[in-house]
Amino acid sequence: MKAVQGQTPKAADHAAGPTKGPNCWDCRHMAITWDVRTPYSCKLMGFRSRVIPSIEVLRNDGRFCSGFTAKPAPVAATTKTKPTLSVGKTTNRRNTDPGGPFPQINLII
C-alpha cells in the first residue's frame, strides 16, 4: 500500500478500510459440520467449506464477510445453594442412647 502524502502510514491504511476480516469463531452463524471434507459451515449464507467461512467469502467475493453477527455474551454462572430441608425433629439420640451409638453385632459363631 502506498502512503498518501501528508498522512502517516497508519492513517493511510485506515482510509482504505479495515485490514482484517471478521472472526468466524465469534459469529453466531458459524457452525461445525459432521462432514470431514467440509468441516466448517455458515448458516447465514448456507454453504460448507474446508476453510473458515470468512476466508471462503473473501476468496470468492473479494470483500470481507458482511453477514457477521457477534455471539451473545455468555451469562455468568450463578452458584446455586441447596436449600436445607429439615426432616422431622432433629435429636441427639445417637449419642445419648443407653445402648451406645451403634451396638456391634458379631455374626461369627
PDB file of N, CA and C in Angstrom:
ATOM      1  N   MET A   1       0.825  -1.160   0.000  1.00  0.00           N
ATOM      2  CA  MET A   1       0.000   0.000   0.000  1.00  0.00           C
ATOM      3  C   MET A   1       0.880   1.237   0.000  1.00  0.00           C
ATOM      4  N   LYS A   2       0.556   2.196  -0.832  1.00  0.00           N
ATOM      5  CA  LYS A   2       1.344   3.421  -0.878  1.00  0.00           C
ATOM      6  C   LYS A   2       0.818   4.394   0.159  1.00  0.00           C
ATOM      7  N   ALA A   3       1.744   5.099   0.767  1.00  0.00           N
ATOM      8  CA  ALA A   3       1.355   6.119   1.738  1.00  0.00           C
ATOM      9  C   ALA A   3       0.928   7.374   0.996  1.00  0.00           C
ATOM     10  N   VAL A   4      -0.150   7.971   1.445  1.00  0.00           N
ATOM     11  CA  VAL A   4      -0.632   9.214   0.857  1.00  0.00           C
ATOM     12  C   VAL A   4       0.194  10.349   1.438  1.00  0.00           C
ATOM     13  N   GLN A   5       0.524  11.335   0.575  1.00  0.00           N
ATOM     14  CA  GLN A   5       1.375  12.424   1.032  1.00  0.00           C
ATOM     15  C   GLN A   5       0.666  13.219   2.125  1.00  0.00           C
ATOM     16  N   GLY A   6       1.373  13.454   3.221  1.00  0.00           N
ATOM     17  CA  GLY A   6       0.828  14.226   4.329  1.00  0.00           C
ATOM     18  C   GLY A   6       0.147  13.366   5.385  1.00  0.00           C
ATOM     19  N   GLN A   7       0.039  12.072   5.134  1.00  0.00           N
ATOM     20  CA  GLN A   7      -0.588  11.191   6.112  1.00  0.00           C
ATOM     21  C   GLN A   7       0.427  10.169   6.590  1.00  0.00           C
ATOM     22  N   THR A   8       0.266   9.755   7.817  1.00  0.00           N
ATOM     23  CA  THR A   8       1.111   8.688   8.332  1.00  0.00           C
ATOM     24  C   THR A   8       0.643   7.379   7.726  1.00  0.00           C
ATOM     25  N   PRO A   9       1.497   6.355   7.701  1.00  0.00           N
ATOM     26  CA  PRO A   9       1.081   5.079   7.117  1.00  0.00           C
ATOM     27  C   PRO A   9      -0.156   4.487   7.782  1.00  0.00           C
ATOM     28  N   LYS A  10      -0.297   4.652   9.095  1.00  0.00           N
ATOM     29  CA  LYS A  10      -1.466   4.087   9.767  1.00  0.00           C
ATOM     30  C   LYS A  10      -2.744   4.773   9.311  1.00  0.00           C
ATOM     31  N   ALA A  11      -2.712   6.072   9.155  1.00  0.00           N
ATOM     32  CA  ALA A  11      -3.894   6.802   8.707  1.00  0.00           C
ATOM     33  C   ALA A  11      -4.247   6.406   7.276  1.00  0.00           C
ATOM     34  N   ALA A  12      -3.237   6.160   6.444  1.00  0.00           N
ATOM     35  CA  ALA A  12      -3.491   5.750   5.067  1.00  0.00           C
ATOM     36  C   ALA A  12      -4.133   4.372   5.031  1.00  0.00           C
ATOM     37  N   ASP A  13      -3.717   3.485   5.933  1.00  0.00           N
ATOM     38  CA  ASP A  13      -4.300   2.150   5.968  1.00  0.00           C
ATOM     39  C   ASP A  13      -5.770   2.206   6.359  1.00  0.00           C
ATOM     40  N   HIS A  14      -6.107   3.052   7.326  1.00  0.00           N
ATOM     41  CA  HIS A  14      -7.498   3.135   7.770  1.00  0.00           C
ATOM     42  C   HIS A  14      -8.380   3.803   6.726  1.00  0.00           C
ATOM     43  N   ALA A  15      -7.815   4.647   5.899  1.00  0.00           N
ATOM     44  CA  ALA A  15      -8.595   5.300   4.860  1.00  0.00           C
ATOM     45  C   ALA A  15      -9.041   4.285   3.814  1.00  0.00           C
ATOM     46  N   ALA A  16      -8.246   3.239   3.602  1.00  0.00           N
ATOM     47  CA  ALA A  16      -8.585   2.223   2.616  1.00  0.00           C
ATOM     48  C   ALA A  16      -9.616   1.235   3.140  1.00  0.00           C
ATOM     49  N   GLY A  17      -9.869   1.214   4.439  1.00  0.00           N
ATOM     50  CA  GLY A  17     -10.828   0.281   5.023  1.00  0.00           C
ATOM     51  C   GLY A  17     -10.137  -0.655   5.985  1.00  0.00           C
ATOM     52  N   PRO A  18     -10.901  -1.532   6.594  1.00  0.00           N
ATOM     53  CA  PRO A  18     -10.304  -2.448   7.568  1.00  0.00           C
ATOM     54  C   PRO A  18      -9.368  -3.438   6.883  1.00  0.00           C
ATOM     55  N   THR A  19      -8.328  -3.833   7.598  1.00  0.00           N
ATOM     56  CA  THR A  19      -7.358  -4.755   7.026  1.00  0.00           C
ATOM     57  C   THR A  19      -7.586  -6.180   7.496  1.00  0.00           C
ATOM     58  N   LYS A  20      -8.496  -6.368   8.441  1.00  0.00           N
ATOM     59  CA  LYS A  20      -8.767  -7.695   8.976  1.00  0.00           C
ATOM     60  C   LYS A  20     -10.247  -8.010   8.842  1.00  0.00           C
ATOM     61  N   GLY A  21     -10.543  -9.217   8.428  1.00  0.00           N
ATOM     62  CA  GLY A  21     -11.929  -9.631   8.314  1.00  0.00           C
ATOM     63  C   GLY A  21     -12.501 -10.065   9.651  1.00  0.00           C
ATOM     64  N   PRO A  22     -13.779 -10.407   9.671  1.00  0.00           N
ATOM     65  CA  PRO A  22     -14.400 -10.834  10.927  1.00  0.00           C
ATOM     66  C   PRO A  22     -13.893 -12.206  11.360  1.00  0.00           C
ATOM     67  N   ASN A  23     -13.935 -12.444  12.641  1.00  0.00           N
ATOM     68  CA  ASN A  23     -13.525 -13.726  13.203  1.00  0.00           C
ATOM     69  C   ASN A  23     -14.749 -14.636  13.254  1.00  0.00           C
ATOM     70  N   CYS A  24     -14.767 -15.673  12.435  1.00  0.00           N
ATOM     71  CA  CYS A  24     -15.930 -16.561  12.368  1.00  0.00           C
ATOM     72  C   CYS A  24     -16.204 -17.271  13.690  1.00  0.00           C
ATOM     73  N   TRP A  25     -15.188 -17.480  14.498  1.00  0.00           N
ATOM     74  CA  TRP A  25     -15.392 -18.173  15.772  1.00  0.00           C
ATOM     75  C   TRP A  25     -16.243 -17.340  16.718  1.00  0.00           C
ATOM     76  N   ASP A  26     -16.313 -16.026  16.487  1.00  0.00           N
ATOM     77  CA  ASP A  26     -17.139 -15.152  17.315  1.00  0.00           C
ATOM     78  C   ASP A  26     -18.483 -14.848  16.667  1.00  0.00           C
ATOM     79  N   CYS A  27     -18.779 -15.465  15.531  1.00  0.00           N
ATOM     80  CA  CYS A  27     -20.027 -15.209  14.800  1.00  0.00           C
ATOM     81  C   CYS A  27     -21.081 -16.244  15.174  1.00  0.00           C
ATOM     82  N   ARG A  28     -22.322 -15.796  15.290  1.00  0.00           N
ATOM     83  CA  ARG A  28     -23.387 -16.725  15.667  1.00  0.00           C
ATOM     84  C   ARG A  28     -23.805 -17.637  14.511  1.00  0.00           C
ATOM     85  N   HIS A  29     -23.405 -17.339  13.276  1.00  0.00           N
ATOM     86  CA  HIS A  29     -23.784 -18.159  12.123  1.00  0.00           C
ATOM     87  C   HIS A  29     -22.771 -19.257  11.806  1.00  0.00           C
ATOM     88  N   MET A  30     -21.623 -19.238  12.454  1.00  0.00           N
ATOM     89  CA  MET A  30     -20.582 -20.254  12.236  1.00  0.00           C
ATOM     90  C   MET A  30     -21.034 -21.579  12.841  1.00  0.00           C
ATOM     91  N   ALA A  31     -20.794 -22.657  12.124  1.00  0.00           N
ATOM     92  CA  ALA A  31     -21.154 -23.985  12.625  1.00  0.00           C
ATOM     93  C   ALA A  31     -20.078 -24.984  12.218  1.00  0.00           C
ATOM     94  N   ILE A  32     -20.000 -26.054  12.975  1.00  0.00           N
ATOM     95  CA  ILE A  32     -19.108 -27.170  12.667  1.00  0.00           C
ATOM     96  C   ILE A  32     -19.991 -28.298  12.150  1.00  0.00           C
ATOM     97  N   THR A  33     -19.596 -28.895  11.024  1.00  0.00           N
ATOM     98  CA  THR A  33     -20.412 -29.953  10.426  1.00  0.00           C
ATOM     99  C   THR A  33     -19.844 -31.323  10.776  1.00  0.00           C
ATOM    100  N   TRP A  34     -20.601 -32.335  10.451  1.00  0.00           N
ATOM    101  CA  TRP A  34     -20.179 -33.715  10.686  1.00  0.00           C
ATOM    102  C   TRP A  34     -19.263 -34.203   9.574  1.00  0.00           C
ATOM    103  N   ASP A  35     -19.262 -33.510   8.441  1.00  0.00           N
ATOM    104  CA  ASP A  35     -18.514 -33.948   7.264  1.00  0.00           C
ATOM    105  C   ASP A  35     -17.029 -33.613   7.426  1.00  0.00           C
ATOM    106  N   VAL A  36     -16.174 -34.618   7.293  1.00  0.00           N
ATOM    107  CA  VAL A  36     -14.735 -34.429   7.458  1.00  0.00           C
ATOM    108  C   VAL A  36     -14.156 -33.598   6.312  1.00  0.00           C
ATOM    109  N   ARG A  37     -14.705 -33.729   5.125  1.00  0.00           N
ATOM    110  CA  ARG A  37     -14.186 -32.997   3.965  1.00  0.00           C
ATOM    111  C   ARG A  37     -14.526 -31.507   4.013  1.00  0.00           C
ATOM    112  N   THR A  38     -15.661 -31.158   4.598  1.00  0.00           N
ATOM    113  CA  THR A  38     -16.062 -29.755   4.730  1.00  0.00           C
ATOM    114  C   THR A  38     -16.509 -29.511   6.169  1.00  0.00           C
ATOM    115  N   PRO A  39     -15.555 -29.296   7.064  1.00  0.00           N
ATOM    116  CA  PRO A  39     -15.903 -29.231   8.481  1.00  0.00           C
ATOM    117  C   PRO A  39     -16.540 -27.923   8.949  1.00  0.00           C
ATOM    118  N   TYR A  40     -16.442 -26.847   8.166  1.00  0.00           N
ATOM    119  CA  TYR A  40     -16.957 -25.557   8.611  1.00  0.00           C
ATOM    120  C   TYR A  40     -18.163 -25.155   7.780  1.00  0.00           C
ATOM    121  N   SER A  41     -19.082 -24.432   8.401  1.00  0.00           N
ATOM    122  CA  SER A  41     -20.305 -24.057   7.719  1.00  0.00           C
ATOM    123  C   SER A  41     -20.736 -22.661   8.147  1.00  0.00           C
ATOM    124  N   CYS A  42     -21.404 -21.964   7.233  1.00  0.00           N
ATOM    125  CA  CYS A  42     -22.023 -20.681   7.548  1.00  0.00           C
ATOM    126  C   CYS A  42     -23.523 -20.868   7.381  1.00  0.00           C
ATOM    127  N   LYS A  43     -24.257 -20.755   8.483  1.00  0.00           N
ATOM    128  CA  LYS A  43     -25.703 -20.958   8.433  1.00  0.00           C
ATOM    129  C   LYS A  43     -26.412 -19.798   7.738  1.00  0.00           C
ATOM    130  N   LEU A  44     -25.838 -18.604   7.795  1.00  0.00           N
ATOM    131  CA  LEU A  44     -26.466 -17.442   7.173  1.00  0.00           C
ATOM    132  C   LEU A  44     -26.434 -17.558   5.651  1.00  0.00           C
ATOM    133  N   MET A  45     -25.271 -17.915   5.100  1.00  0.00           N
ATOM    134  CA  MET A  45     -25.120 -17.996   3.651  1.00  0.00           C
ATOM    135  C   MET A  45     -25.406 -19.384   3.103  1.00  0.00           C
ATOM    136  N   GLY A  46     -25.466 -20.378   3.986  1.00  0.00           N
ATOM    137  CA  GLY A  46     -25.870 -21.712   3.571  1.00  0.00           C
ATOM    138  C   GLY A  46     -24.827 -22.480   2.784  1.00  0.00           C
ATOM    139  N   PHE A  47     -23.584 -22.457   3.185  1.00  0.00           N
ATOM    140  CA  PHE A  47     -22.568 -23.257   2.499  1.00  0.00           C
ATOM    141  C   PHE A  47     -21.634 -23.895   3.510  1.00  0.00           C
ATOM    142  N   ARG A  48     -20.952 -24.948   3.046  1.00  0.00           N
ATOM    143  CA  ARG A  48     -19.916 -25.634   3.821  1.00  0.00           C
ATOM    144  C   ARG A  48     -18.587 -25.430   3.116  1.00  0.00           C
ATOM    145  N   SER A  49     -17.509 -25.506   3.900  1.00  0.00           N
ATOM    146  CA  SER A  49     -16.201 -25.242   3.316  1.00  0.00           C
ATOM    147  C   SER A  49     -15.118 -25.982   4.076  1.00  0.00           C
ATOM    148  N   ARG A  50     -13.969 -26.138   3.405  1.00  0.00           N
ATOM    149  CA  ARG A  50     -12.794 -26.717   4.065  1.00  0.00           C
ATOM    150  C   ARG A  50     -12.107 -25.706   4.961  1.00  0.00           C
ATOM    151  N   VAL A  51     -12.283 -24.439   4.662  1.00  0.00           N
ATOM    152  CA  VAL A  51     -11.651 -23.367   5.435  1.00  0.00           C
ATOM    153  C   VAL A  51     -12.732 -22.570   6.157  1.00  0.00           C
ATOM    154  N   ILE A  52     -12.299 -21.696   7.037  1.00  0.00           N
ATOM    155  CA  ILE A  52     -13.224 -20.848   7.780  1.00  0.00           C
ATOM    156  C   ILE A  52     -14.075 -20.047   6.782  1.00  0.00           C
ATOM    157  N   PRO A  53     -15.384 -19.936   7.001  1.00  0.00           N
ATOM    158  CA  PRO A  53     -16.260 -19.282   6.023  1.00  0.00           C
ATOM    159  C   PRO A  53     -15.856 -17.863   5.625  1.00  0.00           C
ATOM    160  N   SER A  54     -15.318 -17.063   6.536  1.00  0.00           N
ATOM    161  CA  SER A  54     -14.948 -15.689   6.159  1.00  0.00           C
ATOM    162  C   SER A  54     -13.822 -15.686   5.125  1.00  0.00           C
ATOM    163  N   ILE A  55     -12.937 -16.667   5.188  1.00  0.00           N
ATOM    164  CA  ILE A  55     -11.858 -16.772   4.191  1.00  0.00           C
ATOM    165  C   ILE A  55     -12.434 -17.194   2.847  1.00  0.00           C
ATOM    166  N   GLU A  56     -13.393 -18.093   2.874  1.00  0.00           N
ATOM    167  CA  GLU A  56     -14.039 -18.537   1.634  1.00  0.00           C
ATOM    168  C   GLU A  56     -14.794 -17.384   0.970  1.00  0.00           C
ATOM    169  N   VAL A  57     -15.458 -16.563   1.761  1.00  0.00           N
ATOM    170  CA  VAL A  57     -16.163 -15.396   1.217  1.00  0.00           C
ATOM    171  C   VAL A  57     -15.161 -14.419   0.615  1.00  0.00           C
ATOM    172  N   LEU A  58     -14.043 -14.198   1.280  1.00  0.00           N
ATOM    173  CA  LEU A  58     -13.011 -13.294   0.763  1.00  0.00           C
ATOM    174  C   LEU A  58     -12.430 -13.823  -0.545  1.00  0.00           C
ATOM    175  N   ARG A  59     -12.238 -15.126  -0.658  1.00  0.00           N
ATOM    176  CA  ARG A  59     -11.710 -15.720  -1.897  1.00  0.00           C
ATOM    177  C   ARG A  59     -12.677 -15.536  -3.061  1.00  0.00           C
ATOM    178  N   ASN A  60     -13.963 -15.789  -2.815  1.00  0.00           N
ATOM    179  CA  ASN A  60     -14.943 -15.771  -3.900  1.00  0.00           C
ATOM    180  C   ASN A  60     -15.445 -14.372  -4.242  1.00  0.00           C
ATOM    181  N   ASP A  61     -15.641 -13.537  -3.227  1.00  0.00           N
ATOM    182  CA  ASP A  61     -16.252 -12.233  -3.447  1.00  0.00           C
ATOM    183  C   ASP A  61     -15.228 -11.106  -3.516  1.00  0.00           C
ATOM    184  N   GLY A  62     -14.075 -11.307  -2.888  1.00  0.00           N
ATOM    185  CA  GLY A  62     -13.070 -10.259  -2.873  1.00  0.00           C
ATOM    186  C   GLY A  62     -13.287  -9.234  -1.774  1.00  0.00           C
ATOM    187  N   ARG A  63     -14.336  -9.405  -0.974  1.00  0.00           N
ATOM    188  CA  ARG A  63     -14.623  -8.499   0.139  1.00  0.00           C
ATOM    189  C   ARG A  63     -14.764  -9.316   1.413  1.00  0.00           C
ATOM    190  N   PHE A  64     -14.645  -8.617   2.544  1.00  0.00           N
ATOM    191  CA  PHE A  64     -14.840  -9.290   3.822  1.00  0.00           C
ATOM    192  C   PHE A  64     -16.311  -9.646   3.995  1.00  0.00           C
ATOM    193  N   CYS A  65     -16.570 -10.627   4.814  1.00  0.00           N
ATOM    194  CA  CYS A  65     -17.936 -11.082   5.073  1.00  0.00           C
ATOM    195  C   CYS A  65     -18.746  -9.954   5.706  1.00  0.00           C
ATOM    196  N   SER A  66     -19.916  -9.686   5.151  1.00  0.00           N
ATOM    197  CA  SER A  66     -20.765  -8.623   5.686  1.00  0.00           C
ATOM    198  C   SER A  66     -21.888  -9.180   6.550  1.00  0.00           C
ATOM    199  N   GLY A  67     -21.954 -10.494   6.684  1.00  0.00           N
ATOM    200  CA  GLY A  67     -23.024 -11.099   7.470  1.00  0.00           C
ATOM    201  C   GLY A  67     -22.637 -11.417   8.899  1.00  0.00           C
ATOM    202  N   PHE A  68     -21.508 -10.908   9.355  1.00  0.00           N
ATOM    203  CA  PHE A  68     -21.039 -11.211  10.704  1.00  0.00           C
ATOM    204  C   PHE A  68     -21.991 -10.644  11.749  1.00  0.00           C
ATOM    205  N   THR A  69     -22.406 -11.508  12.674  1.00  0.00           N
ATOM    206  CA  THR A  69     -23.204 -11.105  13.828  1.00  0.00           C
ATOM    207  C   THR A  69     -22.539 -11.713  15.047  1.00  0.00           C
ATOM    208  N   ALA A  70     -22.189 -10.875  15.994  1.00  0.00           N
ATOM    209  CA  ALA A  70     -21.476 -11.355  17.184  1.00  0.00           C
ATOM    210  C   ALA A  70     -22.365 -12.259  18.022  1.00  0.00           C
ATOM    211  N   LYS A  71     -21.740 -13.257  18.616  1.00  0.00           N
ATOM    212  CA  LYS A  71     -22.460 -14.141  19.530  1.00  0.00           C
ATOM    213  C   LYS A  71     -22.854 -13.356  20.769  1.00  0.00           C
ATOM    214  N   PRO A  72     -23.966 -13.735  21.407  1.00  0.00           N
ATOM    215  CA  PRO A  72     -24.325 -13.046  22.647  1.00  0.00           C
ATOM    216  C   PRO A  72     -23.298 -13.337  23.732  1.00  0.00           C
ATOM    217  N   ALA A  73     -23.139 -12.392  24.625  1.00  0.00           N
ATOM    218  CA  ALA A  73     -22.177 -12.556  25.717  1.00  0.00           C
ATOM    219  C   ALA A  73     -22.622 -13.697  26.619  1.00  0.00           C
ATOM    220  N   PRO A  74     -21.689 -14.529  27.075  1.00  0.00           N
ATOM    221  CA  PRO A  74     -22.070 -15.641  27.946  1.00  0.00           C
ATOM    222  C   PRO A  74     -22.614 -15.125  29.274  1.00  0.00           C
ATOM    223  N   VAL A  75     -23.647 -15.797  29.743  1.00  0.00           N
ATOM    224  CA  VAL A  75     -24.258 -15.425  31.012  1.00  0.00           C
ATOM    225  C   VAL A  75     -23.394 -15.979  32.131  1.00  0.00           C
ATOM    226  N   ALA A  76     -23.111 -15.159  33.106  1.00  0.00           N
ATOM    227  CA  ALA A  76     -22.287 -15.597  34.232  1.00  0.00           C
ATOM    228  C   ALA A  76     -23.040 -16.663  35.021  1.00  0.00           C
ATOM    229  N   ALA A  77     -22.349 -17.735  35.325  1.00  0.00           N
ATOM    230  CA  ALA A  77     -22.968 -18.834  36.061  1.00  0.00           C
ATOM    231  C   ALA A  77     -23.179 -18.411  37.508  1.00  0.00           C
ATOM    232  N   THR A  78     -24.385 -18.615  37.968  1.00  0.00           N
ATOM    233  CA  THR A  78     -24.672 -18.298  39.362  1.00  0.00           C
ATOM    234  C   THR A  78     -24.532 -19.565  40.178  1.00  0.00           C
ATOM    235  N   THR A  79     -24.016 -19.418  41.352  1.00  0.00           N
ATOM    236  CA  THR A  79     -23.859 -20.584  42.217  1.00  0.00           C
ATOM    237  C   THR A  79     -25.174 -20.830  42.932  1.00  0.00           C
ATOM    238  N   LYS A  80     -25.665 -22.022  42.765  1.00  0.00           N
ATOM    239  CA  LYS A  80     -26.924 -22.386  43.402  1.00  0.00           C
ATOM    240  C   LYS A  80     -26.623 -23.021  44.753  1.00  0.00           C
ATOM    241  N   THR A  81     -27.315 -22.568  45.740  1.00  0.00           N
ATOM    242  CA  THR A  81     -27.172 -23.165  47.063  1.00  0.00           C
ATOM    243  C   THR A  81     -28.348 -24.087  47.292  1.00  0.00           C
ATOM    244  N   LYS A  82     -28.055 -25.247  47.795  1.00  0.00           N
ATOM    245  CA  LYS A  82     -29.118 -26.207  48.060  1.00  0.00           C
ATOM    246  C   LYS A  82     -29.867 -25.776  49.315  1.00  0.00           C
ATOM    247  N   PRO A  83     -31.172 -25.786  49.241  1.00  0.00           N
ATOM    248  CA  PRO A  83     -31.921 -25.419  50.438  1.00  0.00           C
ATOM    249  C   PRO A  83     -31.791 -26.517  51.492  1.00  0.00           C
ATOM    250  N   THR A  84     -31.662 -26.092  52.715  1.00  0.00           N
ATOM    251  CA  THR A  84     -31.559 -27.074  53.797  1.00  0.00           C
ATOM    252  C   THR A  84     -32.964 -27.478  54.200  1.00  0.00           C
ATOM    253  N   LEU A  85     -33.235 -28.731  54.034  1.00  0.00           N
ATOM    254  CA  LEU A  85     -34.546 -29.260  54.388  1.00  0.00           C
ATOM    255  C   LEU A  85     -34.447 -29.970  55.723  1.00  0.00           C
ATOM    256  N   SER A  86     -35.260 -29.558  56.637  1.00  0.00           N
ATOM    257  CA  SER A  86     -35.268 -30.263  57.914  1.00  0.00           C
ATOM    258  C   SER A  86     -36.373 -31.306  57.852  1.00  0.00           C
ATOM    259  N   VAL A  87     -36.000 -32.525  58.047  1.00  0.00           N
ATOM    260  CA  VAL A  87     -36.952 -33.626  58.007  1.00  0.00           C
ATOM    261  C   VAL A  87     -37.219 -34.037  59.442  1.00  0.00           C
ATOM    262  N   GLY A  88     -38.370 -33.709  59.903  1.00  0.00           N
ATOM    263  CA  GLY A  88     -38.728 -34.079  61.271  1.00  0.00           C
ATOM    264  C   GLY A  88     -37.946 -33.292  62.297  1.00  0.00           C
ATOM    265  N   LYS A  89     -37.992 -33.797  63.503  1.00  0.00           N
ATOM    266  CA  LYS A  89     -37.321 -33.138  64.617  1.00  0.00           C
ATOM    267  C   LYS A  89     -35.944 -33.768  64.789  1.00  0.00           C
ATOM    268  N   THR A  90     -34.916 -32.946  64.802  1.00  0.00           N
ATOM    269  CA  THR A  90     -33.575 -33.493  64.985  1.00  0.00           C
ATOM    270  C   THR A  90     -33.337 -33.764  66.463  1.00  0.00           C
ATOM    271  N   THR A  91     -32.752 -34.910  66.744  1.00  0.00           N
ATOM    272  CA  THR A  91     -32.468 -35.280  68.133  1.00  0.00           C
ATOM    273  C   THR A  91     -31.013 -35.668  68.273  1.00  0.00           C
ATOM    274  N   ASN A  92     -30.608 -35.850  69.490  1.00  0.00           N
ATOM    275  CA  ASN A  92     -29.251 -36.266  69.799  1.00  0.00           C
ATOM    276  C   ASN A  92     -29.281 -37.714  70.287  1.00  0.00           C
ATOM    277  N   ARG A  93     -30.218 -38.498  69.786  1.00  0.00           N
ATOM    278  CA  ARG A  93     -30.443 -39.853  70.273  1.00  0.00           C
ATOM    279  C   ARG A  93     -29.241 -40.759  70.034  1.00  0.00           C
ATOM    280  N   ARG A  94     -28.554 -40.553  68.933  1.00  0.00           N
ATOM    281  CA  ARG A  94     -27.433 -41.426  68.608  1.00  0.00           C
ATOM    282  C   ARG A  94     -26.374 -41.395  69.713  1.00  0.00           C
ATOM    283  N   ASN A  95     -26.131 -40.231  70.256  1.00  0.00           N
ATOM    284  CA  ASN A  95     -25.101 -40.105  71.289  1.00  0.00           C
ATOM    285  C   ASN A  95     -25.627 -40.395  72.692  1.00  0.00           C
ATOM    286  N   THR A  96     -26.905 -40.233  72.932  1.00  0.00           N
ATOM    287  CA  THR A  96     -27.451 -40.411  74.290  1.00  0.00           C
ATOM    288  C   THR A  96     -28.145 -41.741  74.489  1.00  0.00           C
ATOM    289  N   ASP A  97     -28.206 -42.590  73.507  1.00  0.00           N
ATOM    290  CA  ASP A  97     -28.873 -43.893  73.639  1.00  0.00           C
ATOM    291  C   ASP A  97     -28.108 -44.754  74.640  1.00  0.00           C
ATOM    292  N   PRO A  98     -28.817 -45.408  75.597  1.00  0.00           N
ATOM    293  CA  PRO A  98     -28.114 -46.226  76.585  1.00  0.00           C
ATOM    294  C   PRO A  98     -27.374 -47.404  75.970  1.00  0.00           C
ATOM    295  N   GLY A  99     -27.769 -47.865  74.834  1.00  0.00           N
ATOM    296  CA  GLY A  99     -27.098 -48.997  74.203  1.00  0.00           C
ATOM    297  C   GLY A  99     -25.836 -48.576  73.474  1.00  0.00           C
ATOM    298  N   GLY A 100     -25.502 -47.330  73.476  1.00  0.00           N
ATOM    299  CA  GLY A 100     -24.321 -46.848  72.761  1.00  0.00           C
ATOM    300  C   GLY A 100     -24.735 -46.334  71.395  1.00  0.00           C
ATOM    301  N   PRO A 101     -23.832 -45.784  70.690  1.00  0.00           N
ATOM    302  CA  PRO A 101     -24.188 -45.254  69.381  1.00  0.00           C
ATOM    303  C   PRO A 101     -24.693 -46.343  68.437  1.00  0.00           C
ATOM    304  N   PHE A 102     -23.892 -47.362  68.188  1.00  0.00           N
ATOM    305  CA  PHE A 102     -24.315 -48.496  67.384  1.00  0.00           C
ATOM    306  C   PHE A 102     -23.728 -49.744  68.022  1.00  0.00           C
ATOM    307  N   PRO A 103     -24.564 -50.649  68.463  1.00  0.00           N
ATOM    308  CA  PRO A 103     -24.010 -51.877  69.059  1.00  0.00           C
ATOM    309  C   PRO A 103     -23.369 -52.735  67.974  1.00  0.00           C
ATOM    310  N   GLN A 104     -22.236 -53.319  68.283  1.00  0.00           N
ATOM    311  CA  GLN A 104     -21.576 -54.212  67.343  1.00  0.00           C
ATOM    312  C   GLN A 104     -22.192 -55.591  67.480  1.00  0.00           C
ATOM    313  N   ILE A 105     -22.534 -56.156  66.366  1.00  0.00           N
ATOM    314  CA  ILE A 105     -23.108 -57.491  66.361  1.00  0.00           C
ATOM    315  C   ILE A 105     -22.088 -58.413  65.719  1.00  0.00           C
ATOM    316  N   ASN A 106     -21.715 -59.468  66.451  1.00  0.00           N
ATOM    317  CA  ASN A 106     -20.770 -60.433  65.938  1.00  0.00           C
ATOM    318  C   ASN A 106     -21.561 -61.613  65.407  1.00  0.00           C
ATOM    319  N   LEU A 107     -21.551 -61.821  64.100  1.00  0.00           N
ATOM    320  CA  LEU A 107     -22.318 -62.893  63.491  1.00  0.00           C
ATOM    321  C   LEU A 107     -21.505 -64.165  63.331  1.00  0.00           C
ATOM    322  N   ILE A 108     -20.229 -64.129  63.631  1.00  0.00           N
ATOM    323  CA  ILE A 108     -19.397 -65.321  63.506  1.00  0.00           C
ATOM    324  C   ILE A 108     -19.525 -66.117  64.797  1.00  0.00           C
ATOM    325  N   ILE A 109     -19.902 -67.364  64.694  1.00  0.00           N
ATOM    326  CA  ILE A 109     -20.070 -68.224  65.867  1.00  0.00           C
ATOM    327  C   ILE A 109     -18.889 -69.148  66.002  1.00  0.00           C
TER     328      ILE A 109
END
